């Protein structure tokens, strides 16, 4: 009887395993400090090359720094 139960539950366990892996991948990408740091460097390069102005640079930099702080806070509380 338990073997039959295991066979019936197996697809559900596989599906849950896939969902957990997708969640872990999404969480890893969402909370990737290195990616945000790269975006800050790219923003600085665009500013220095004159592709964006002071206002756009300041707004974008503030958002990225805030995002970086959120990631760091999330990791401390994890």
PDB file of N, CA and C in Angstrom:
ATOM      1  N   UNK A   1       0.817  -1.188   0.000  1.00  0.00           N
ATOM      2  CA  UNK A   1       0.000   0.000   0.000  1.00  0.00           C
ATOM      3  C   UNK A   1       0.863   1.255   0.000  1.00  0.00           C
ATOM      4  N   UNK A   2       1.955   1.253   0.794  1.00  0.00           N
ATOM      5  CA  UNK A   2       2.804   2.430   0.851  1.00  0.00           C
ATOM      6  C   UNK A   2       3.534   2.661  -0.466  1.00  0.00           C
ATOM      7  N   UNK A   3       3.869   1.620  -1.173  1.00  0.00           N
ATOM      8  CA  UNK A   3       4.525   1.751  -2.477  1.00  0.00           C
ATOM      9  C   UNK A   3       3.600   2.450  -3.459  1.00  0.00           C
ATOM     10  N   UNK A   4       2.339   2.077  -3.429  1.00  0.00           N
ATOM     11  CA  UNK A   4       1.351   2.710  -4.296  1.00  0.00           C
ATOM     12  C   UNK A   4       1.212   4.195  -3.951  1.00  0.00           C
ATOM     13  N   UNK A   5       1.174   4.492  -2.663  1.00  0.00           N
ATOM     14  CA  UNK A   5       1.098   5.896  -2.235  1.00  0.00           C
ATOM     15  C   UNK A   5       2.305   6.684  -2.721  1.00  0.00           C
ATOM     16  N   UNK A   6       3.487   6.081  -2.592  1.00  0.00           N
ATOM     17  CA  UNK A   6       4.709   6.739  -3.052  1.00  0.00           C
ATOM     18  C   UNK A   6       4.667   7.001  -4.546  1.00  0.00           C
ATOM     19  N   UNK A   7       4.162   6.062  -5.324  1.00  0.00           N
ATOM     20  CA  UNK A   7       4.075   6.230  -6.770  1.00  0.00           C
ATOM     21  C   UNK A   7       3.096   7.333  -7.145  1.00  0.00           C
ATOM     22  N   UNK A   8       2.026   7.447  -6.386  1.00  0.00           N
ATOM     23  CA  UNK A   8       1.037   8.488  -6.670  1.00  0.00           C
ATOM     24  C   UNK A   8       1.541   9.874  -6.276  1.00  0.00           C
ATOM     25  N   UNK A   9       2.352   9.949  -5.242  1.00  0.00           N
ATOM     26  CA  UNK A   9       2.859  11.227  -4.746  1.00  0.00           C
ATOM     27  C   UNK A   9       4.116  11.675  -5.494  1.00  0.00           C
ATOM     28  N   UNK A  10       4.799  10.766  -6.147  1.00  0.00           N
ATOM     29  CA  UNK A  10       6.065  11.066  -6.822  1.00  0.00           C
ATOM     30  C   UNK A  10       5.975  12.252  -7.791  1.00  0.00           C
ATOM     31  N   UNK A  11       4.961  12.324  -8.671  1.00  0.00           N
ATOM     32  CA  UNK A  11       4.893  13.499  -9.562  1.00  0.00           C
ATOM     33  C   UNK A  11       4.761  14.819  -8.803  1.00  0.00           C
ATOM     34  N   UNK A  12       4.029  14.809  -7.720  1.00  0.00           N
ATOM     35  CA  UNK A  12       3.864  16.022  -6.921  1.00  0.00           C
ATOM     36  C   UNK A  12       5.186  16.438  -6.285  1.00  0.00           C
ATOM     37  N   UNK A  13       5.934  15.471  -5.786  1.00  0.00           N
ATOM     38  CA  UNK A  13       7.239  15.775  -5.194  1.00  0.00           C
ATOM     39  C   UNK A  13       8.184  16.345  -6.242  1.00  0.00           C
ATOM     40  N   UNK A  14       8.161  15.778  -7.440  1.00  0.00           N
ATOM     41  CA  UNK A  14       8.998  16.291  -8.519  1.00  0.00           C
ATOM     42  C   UNK A  14       8.632  17.717  -8.887  1.00  0.00           C
ATOM     43  N   UNK A  15       7.336  17.985  -8.961  1.00  0.00           N
ATOM     44  CA  UNK A  15       6.866  19.326  -9.282  1.00  0.00           C
ATOM     45  C   UNK A  15       7.292  20.318  -8.206  1.00  0.00           C
ATOM     46  N   UNK A  16       7.137  19.939  -6.945  1.00  0.00           N
ATOM     47  CA  UNK A  16       7.538  20.820  -5.849  1.00  0.00           C
ATOM     48  C   UNK A  16       9.035  21.076  -5.859  1.00  0.00           C
ATOM     49  N   UNK A  17       9.806  20.078  -6.224  1.00  0.00           N
ATOM     50  CA  UNK A  17      11.256  20.238  -6.323  1.00  0.00           C
ATOM     51  C   UNK A  17      11.616  21.257  -7.400  1.00  0.00           C
ATOM     52  N   UNK A  18      10.929  21.182  -8.528  1.00  0.00           N
ATOM     53  CA  UNK A  18      11.166  22.138  -9.615  1.00  0.00           C
ATOM     54  C   UNK A  18      10.784  23.545  -9.186  1.00  0.00           C
ATOM     55  N   UNK A  19       9.660  23.678  -8.511  1.00  0.00           N
ATOM     56  CA  UNK A  19       9.208  24.994  -8.031  1.00  0.00           C
ATOM     57  C   UNK A  19      10.222  25.582  -7.056  1.00  0.00           C
ATOM     58  N   UNK A  20      10.753  24.761  -6.168  1.00  0.00           N
ATOM     59  CA  UNK A  20      11.751  25.240  -5.216  1.00  0.00           C
ATOM     60  C   UNK A  20      13.017  25.702  -5.923  1.00  0.00           C
ATOM     61  N   UNK A  21      13.444  24.983  -6.941  1.00  0.00           N
ATOM     62  CA  UNK A  21      14.639  25.380  -7.689  1.00  0.00           C
ATOM     63  C   UNK A  21      14.415  26.698  -8.414  1.00  0.00           C
ATOM     64  N   UNK A  22      13.247  26.864  -9.002  1.00  0.00           N
ATOM     65  CA  UNK A  22      12.922  28.125  -9.692  1.00  0.00           C
ATOM     66  C   UNK A  22      12.912  29.271  -8.687  1.00  0.00           C
ATOM     67  N   UNK A  23      12.315  29.046  -7.513  1.00  0.00           N
ATOM     68  CA  UNK A  23      12.282  30.073  -6.479  1.00  0.00           C
ATOM     69  C   UNK A  23      13.695  30.458  -6.036  1.00  0.00           C
ATOM     70  N   UNK A  24      14.543  29.452  -5.843  1.00  0.00           N
ATOM     71  CA  UNK A  24      15.923  29.712  -5.425  1.00  0.00           C
ATOM     72  C   UNK A  24      16.687  30.505  -6.478  1.00  0.00           C
ATOM     73  N   UNK A  25      16.473  30.162  -7.752  1.00  0.00           N
ATOM     74  CA  UNK A  25      17.147  30.886  -8.834  1.00  0.00           C
ATOM     75  C   UNK A  25      16.664  32.337  -8.900  1.00  0.00           C
ATOM     76  N   UNK A  26      15.360  32.526  -8.782  1.00  0.00           N
ATOM     77  CA  UNK A  26      14.804  33.886  -8.827  1.00  0.00           C
ATOM     78  C   UNK A  26      15.291  34.705  -7.642  1.00  0.00           C
ATOM     79  N   UNK A  27      15.310  34.093  -6.480  1.00  0.00           N
ATOM     80  CA  UNK A  27      15.784  34.789  -5.282  1.00  0.00           C
ATOM     81  C   UNK A  27      17.259  35.149  -5.416  1.00  0.00           C
ATOM     82  N   UNK A  28      18.043  34.233  -5.966  1.00  0.00           N
ATOM     83  CA  UNK A  28      19.465  34.500  -6.161  1.00  0.00           C
ATOM     84  C   UNK A  28      19.701  35.668  -7.098  1.00  0.00           C
ATOM     85  N   UNK A  29      18.899  35.746  -8.156  1.00  0.00           N
ATOM     86  CA  UNK A  29      19.049  36.844  -9.103  1.00  0.00           C
ATOM     87  C   UNK A  29      18.528  38.152  -8.523  1.00  0.00           C
ATOM     88  N   UNK A  30      17.457  38.074  -7.790  1.00  0.00           N
ATOM     89  CA  UNK A  30      16.866  39.275  -7.200  1.00  0.00           C
ATOM     90  C   UNK A  30      17.774  39.901  -6.153  1.00  0.00           C
ATOM     91  N   UNK A  31      18.494  39.059  -5.424  1.00  0.00           N
ATOM     92  CA  UNK A  31      19.340  39.545  -4.340  1.00  0.00           C
ATOM     93  C   UNK A  31      20.823  39.413  -4.665  1.00  0.00           C
ATOM     94  N   UNK A  32      21.178  39.666  -5.912  1.00  0.00           N
ATOM     95  CA  UNK A  32      22.563  39.553  -6.364  1.00  0.00           C
ATOM     96  C   UNK A  32      23.266  40.902  -6.212  1.00  0.00           C
ATOM     97  N   UNK A  33      24.092  41.013  -5.177  1.00  0.00           N
ATOM     98  CA  UNK A  33      24.831  42.260  -4.914  1.00  0.00           C
ATOM     99  C   UNK A  33      25.761  42.615  -6.065  1.00  0.00           C
ATOM    100  N   UNK A  34      26.424  41.617  -6.612  1.00  0.00           N
ATOM    101  CA  UNK A  34      27.386  41.866  -7.681  1.00  0.00           C
ATOM    102  C   UNK A  34      26.720  42.486  -8.905  1.00  0.00           C
ATOM    103  N   UNK A  35      25.520  42.045  -9.219  1.00  0.00           N
ATOM    104  CA  UNK A  35      24.805  42.602 -10.368  1.00  0.00           C
ATOM    105  C   UNK A  35      24.502  44.088 -10.149  1.00  0.00           C
ATOM    106  N   UNK A  36      24.080  44.433  -8.950  1.00  0.00           N
ATOM    107  CA  UNK A  36      23.766  45.836  -8.650  1.00  0.00           C
ATOM    108  C   UNK A  36      25.044  46.676  -8.693  1.00  0.00           C
ATOM    109  N   UNK A  37      26.141  46.132  -8.178  1.00  0.00           N
ATOM    110  CA  UNK A  37      27.415  46.852  -8.224  1.00  0.00           C
ATOM    111  C   UNK A  37      27.864  47.074  -9.664  1.00  0.00           C
ATOM    112  N   UNK A  38      27.649  46.082 -10.527  1.00  0.00           N
ATOM    113  CA  UNK A  38      27.983  46.238 -11.944  1.00  0.00           C
ATOM    114  C   UNK A  38      27.126  47.326 -12.574  1.00  0.00           C
ATOM    115  N   UNK A  39      25.852  47.366 -12.201  1.00  0.00           N
ATOM    116  CA  UNK A  39      24.963  48.400 -12.733  1.00  0.00           C
ATOM    117  C   UNK A  39      25.413  49.789 -12.285  1.00  0.00           C
ATOM    118  N   UNK A  40      25.903  49.904 -11.064  1.00  0.00           N
ATOM    119  CA  UNK A  40      26.413  51.196 -10.574  1.00  0.00           C
ATOM    120  C   UNK A  40      27.637  51.605 -11.381  1.00  0.00           C
ATOM    121  N   UNK A  41      28.548  50.668 -11.631  1.00  0.00           N
ATOM    122  CA  UNK A  41      29.743  50.971 -12.434  1.00  0.00           C
ATOM    123  C   UNK A  41      29.364  51.374 -13.858  1.00  0.00           C
ATOM    124  N   UNK A  42      28.416  50.656 -14.427  1.00  0.00           N
ATOM    125  CA  UNK A  42      27.965  50.983 -15.785  1.00  0.00           C
ATOM    126  C   UNK A  42      27.346  52.378 -15.822  1.00  0.00           C
ATOM    127  N   UNK A  43      26.572  52.693 -14.798  1.00  0.00           N
ATOM    128  CA  UNK A  43      25.960  54.018 -14.699  1.00  0.00           C
ATOM    129  C   UNK A  43      27.034  55.101 -14.602  1.00  0.00           C
ATOM    130  N   UNK A  44      28.063  54.867 -13.792  1.00  0.00           N
ATOM    131  CA  UNK A  44      29.157  55.833 -13.658  1.00  0.00           C
ATOM    132  C   UNK A  44      29.881  56.027 -14.990  1.00  0.00           C
ATOM    133  N   UNK A  45      30.095  54.946 -15.718  1.00  0.00           N
ATOM    134  CA  UNK A  45      30.760  55.054 -17.021  1.00  0.00           C
ATOM    135  C   UNK A  45      29.911  55.866 -17.994  1.00  0.00           C
ATOM    136  N   UNK A  46      28.604  55.612 -18.008  1.00  0.00           N
ATOM    137  CA  UNK A  46      27.719  56.360 -18.899  1.00  0.00           C
ATOM    138  C   UNK A  46      27.726  57.846 -18.555  1.00  0.00           C
ATOM    139  N   UNK A  47      27.791  58.148 -17.259  1.00  0.00           N
ATOM    140  CA  UNK A  47      27.822  59.540 -16.812  1.00  0.00           C
ATOM    141  C   UNK A  47      29.124  60.218 -17.238  1.00  0.00           C
ATOM    142  N   UNK A  48      30.235  59.519 -17.018  1.00  0.00           N
ATOM    143  CA  UNK A  48      31.536  60.089 -17.372  1.00  0.00           C
ATOM    144  C   UNK A  48      31.692  60.270 -18.881  1.00  0.00           C
ATOM    145  N   UNK A  49      31.029  59.449 -19.652  1.00  0.00           N
ATOM    146  CA  UNK A  49      31.098  59.565 -21.115  1.00  0.00           C
ATOM    147  C   UNK A  49      30.106  60.597 -21.651  1.00  0.00           C
ATOM    148  N   UNK A  50      29.288  61.142 -20.766  1.00  0.00           N
ATOM    149  CA  UNK A  50      28.342  62.177 -21.167  1.00  0.00           C
ATOM    150  C   UNK A  50      27.057  61.641 -21.769  1.00  0.00           C
ATOM    151  N   UNK A  51      26.797  60.358 -21.602  1.00  0.00           N
ATOM    152  CA  UNK A  51      25.581  59.773 -22.151  1.00  0.00           C
ATOM    153  C   UNK A  51      24.338  60.145 -21.348  1.00  0.00           C
ATOM    154  N   UNK A  52      24.541  60.442 -20.061  1.00  0.00           N
ATOM    155  CA  UNK A  52      23.430  60.856 -19.211  1.00  0.00           C
ATOM    156  C   UNK A  52      23.838  62.102 -18.433  1.00  0.00           C
ATOM    157  N   UNK A  53      22.840  62.855 -18.024  1.00  0.00           N
ATOM    158  CA  UNK A  53      23.103  64.091 -17.304  1.00  0.00           C
ATOM    159  C   UNK A  53      23.149  63.894 -15.795  1.00  0.00           C
ATOM    160  N   UNK A  54      23.382  65.003 -15.117  1.00  0.00           N
ATOM    161  CA  UNK A  54      23.504  64.981 -13.656  1.00  0.00           C
ATOM    162  C   UNK A  54      22.240  64.464 -12.974  1.00  0.00           C
ATOM    163  N   UNK A  55      21.099  64.984 -13.416  1.00  0.00           N
ATOM    164  CA  UNK A  55      19.838  64.614 -12.774  1.00  0.00           C
ATOM    165  C   UNK A  55      19.556  63.127 -12.949  1.00  0.00           C
ATOM    166  N   UNK A  56      19.668  62.632 -14.174  1.00  0.00           N
ATOM    167  CA  UNK A  56      19.397  61.222 -14.454  1.00  0.00           C
ATOM    168  C   UNK A  56      20.372  60.318 -13.685  1.00  0.00           C
ATOM    169  N   UNK A  57      21.630  60.750 -13.645  1.00  0.00           N
ATOM    170  CA  UNK A  57      22.644  59.985 -12.917  1.00  0.00           C
ATOM    171  C   UNK A  57      22.310  59.923 -11.424  1.00  0.00           C
ATOM    172  N   UNK A  58      21.977  61.059 -10.850  1.00  0.00           N
ATOM    173  CA  UNK A  58      21.671  61.110  -9.421  1.00  0.00           C
ATOM    174  C   UNK A  58      20.475  60.251  -9.047  1.00  0.00           C
ATOM    175  N   UNK A  59      19.431  60.318  -9.861  1.00  0.00           N
ATOM    176  CA  UNK A  59      18.235  59.524  -9.584  1.00  0.00           C
ATOM    177  C   UNK A  59      18.520  58.027  -9.705  1.00  0.00           C
ATOM    178  N   UNK A  60      19.204  57.650 -10.771  1.00  0.00           N
ATOM    179  CA  UNK A  60      19.502  56.231 -10.995  1.00  0.00           C
ATOM    180  C   UNK A  60      20.457  55.698  -9.930  1.00  0.00           C
ATOM    181  N   UNK A  61      21.438  56.507  -9.564  1.00  0.00           N
ATOM    182  CA  UNK A  61      22.397  56.075  -8.544  1.00  0.00           C
ATOM    183  C   UNK A  61      21.698  55.881  -7.190  1.00  0.00           C
ATOM    184  N   UNK A  62      20.805  56.788  -6.857  1.00  0.00           N
ATOM    185  CA  UNK A  62      20.085  56.682  -5.588  1.00  0.00           C
ATOM    186  C   UNK A  62      19.252  55.398  -5.542  1.00  0.00           C
ATOM    187  N   UNK A  63      18.605  55.069  -6.644  1.00  0.00           N
ATOM    188  CA  UNK A  63      17.804  53.842  -6.702  1.00  0.00           C
ATOM    189  C   UNK A  63      18.685  52.602  -6.560  1.00  0.00           C
ATOM    190  N   UNK A  64      19.816  52.605  -7.229  1.00  0.00           N
ATOM    191  CA  UNK A  64      20.705  51.442  -7.157  1.00  0.00           C
ATOM    192  C   UNK A  64      21.315  51.284  -5.762  1.00  0.00           C
ATOM    193  N   UNK A  65      21.682  52.379  -5.152  1.00  0.00           N
ATOM    194  CA  UNK A  65      22.236  52.305  -3.797  1.00  0.00           C
ATOM    195  C   UNK A  65      21.167  51.831  -2.818  1.00  0.00           C
ATOM    196  N   UNK A  66      19.957  52.312  -2.984  1.00  0.00           N
ATOM    197  CA  UNK A  66      18.861  51.861  -2.136  1.00  0.00           C
ATOM    198  C   UNK A  66      18.636  50.358  -2.330  1.00  0.00           C
ATOM    199  N   UNK A  67      18.687  49.903  -3.567  1.00  0.00           N
ATOM    200  CA  UNK A  67      18.514  48.469  -3.856  1.00  0.00           C
ATOM    201  C   UNK A  67      19.632  47.650  -3.209  1.00  0.00           C
ATOM    202  N   UNK A  68      20.853  48.161  -3.285  1.00  0.00           N
ATOM    203  CA  UNK A  68      21.997  47.479  -2.679  1.00  0.00           C
ATOM    204  C   UNK A  68      21.818  47.386  -1.161  1.00  0.00           C
ATOM    205  N   UNK A  69      21.346  48.444  -0.548  1.00  0.00           N
ATOM    206  CA  UNK A  69      21.097  48.438   0.897  1.00  0.00           C
ATOM    207  C   UNK A  69      19.995  47.438   1.258  1.00  0.00           C
ATOM    208  N   UNK A  70      18.964  47.344   0.418  1.00  0.00           N
ATOM    209  CA  UNK A  70      17.897  46.386   0.663  1.00  0.00           C
ATOM    210  C   UNK A  70      18.425  44.951   0.598  1.00  0.00           C
ATOM    211  N   UNK A  71      19.285  44.685  -0.359  1.00  0.00           N
ATOM    212  CA  UNK A  71      19.871  43.356  -0.499  1.00  0.00           C
ATOM    213  C   UNK A  71      20.705  43.022   0.727  1.00  0.00           C
ATOM    214  N   UNK A  72      21.521  43.964   1.163  1.00  0.00           N
ATOM    215  CA  UNK A  72      22.362  43.740   2.330  1.00  0.00           C
ATOM    216  C   UNK A  72      21.520  43.510   3.581  1.00  0.00           C
ATOM    217  N   UNK A  73      20.455  44.279   3.732  1.00  0.00           N
ATOM    218  CA  UNK A  73      19.547  44.109   4.864  1.00  0.00           C
ATOM    219  C   UNK A  73      18.870  42.735   4.812  1.00  0.00           C
ATOM    220  N   UNK A  74      18.450  42.330   3.617  1.00  0.00           N
ATOM    221  CA  UNK A  74      17.819  41.022   3.455  1.00  0.00           C
ATOM    222  C   UNK A  74      18.786  39.906   3.858  1.00  0.00           C
ATOM    223  N   UNK A  75      20.014  40.011   3.434  1.00  0.00           N
ATOM    224  CA  UNK A  75      21.002  38.974   3.754  1.00  0.00           C
ATOM    225  C   UNK A  75      21.325  38.933   5.248  1.00  0.00           C
ATOM    226  N   UNK A  76      21.330  40.086   5.904  1.00  0.00           N
ATOM    227  CA  UNK A  76      21.576  40.110   7.354  1.00  0.00           C
ATOM    228  C   UNK A  76      20.443  39.422   8.114  1.00  0.00           C
ATOM    229  N   UNK A  77      19.227  39.587   7.631  1.00  0.00           N
ATOM    230  CA  UNK A  77      18.045  39.040   8.315  1.00  0.00           C
ATOM    231  C   UNK A  77      17.705  37.625   7.892  1.00  0.00           C
ATOM    232  N   UNK A  78      18.380  37.106   6.915  1.00  0.00           N
ATOM    233  CA  UNK A  78      18.068  35.778   6.391  1.00  0.00           C
ATOM    234  C   UNK A  78      18.454  34.682   7.317  1.00  0.00           C
TER     235      UNK A  78
END
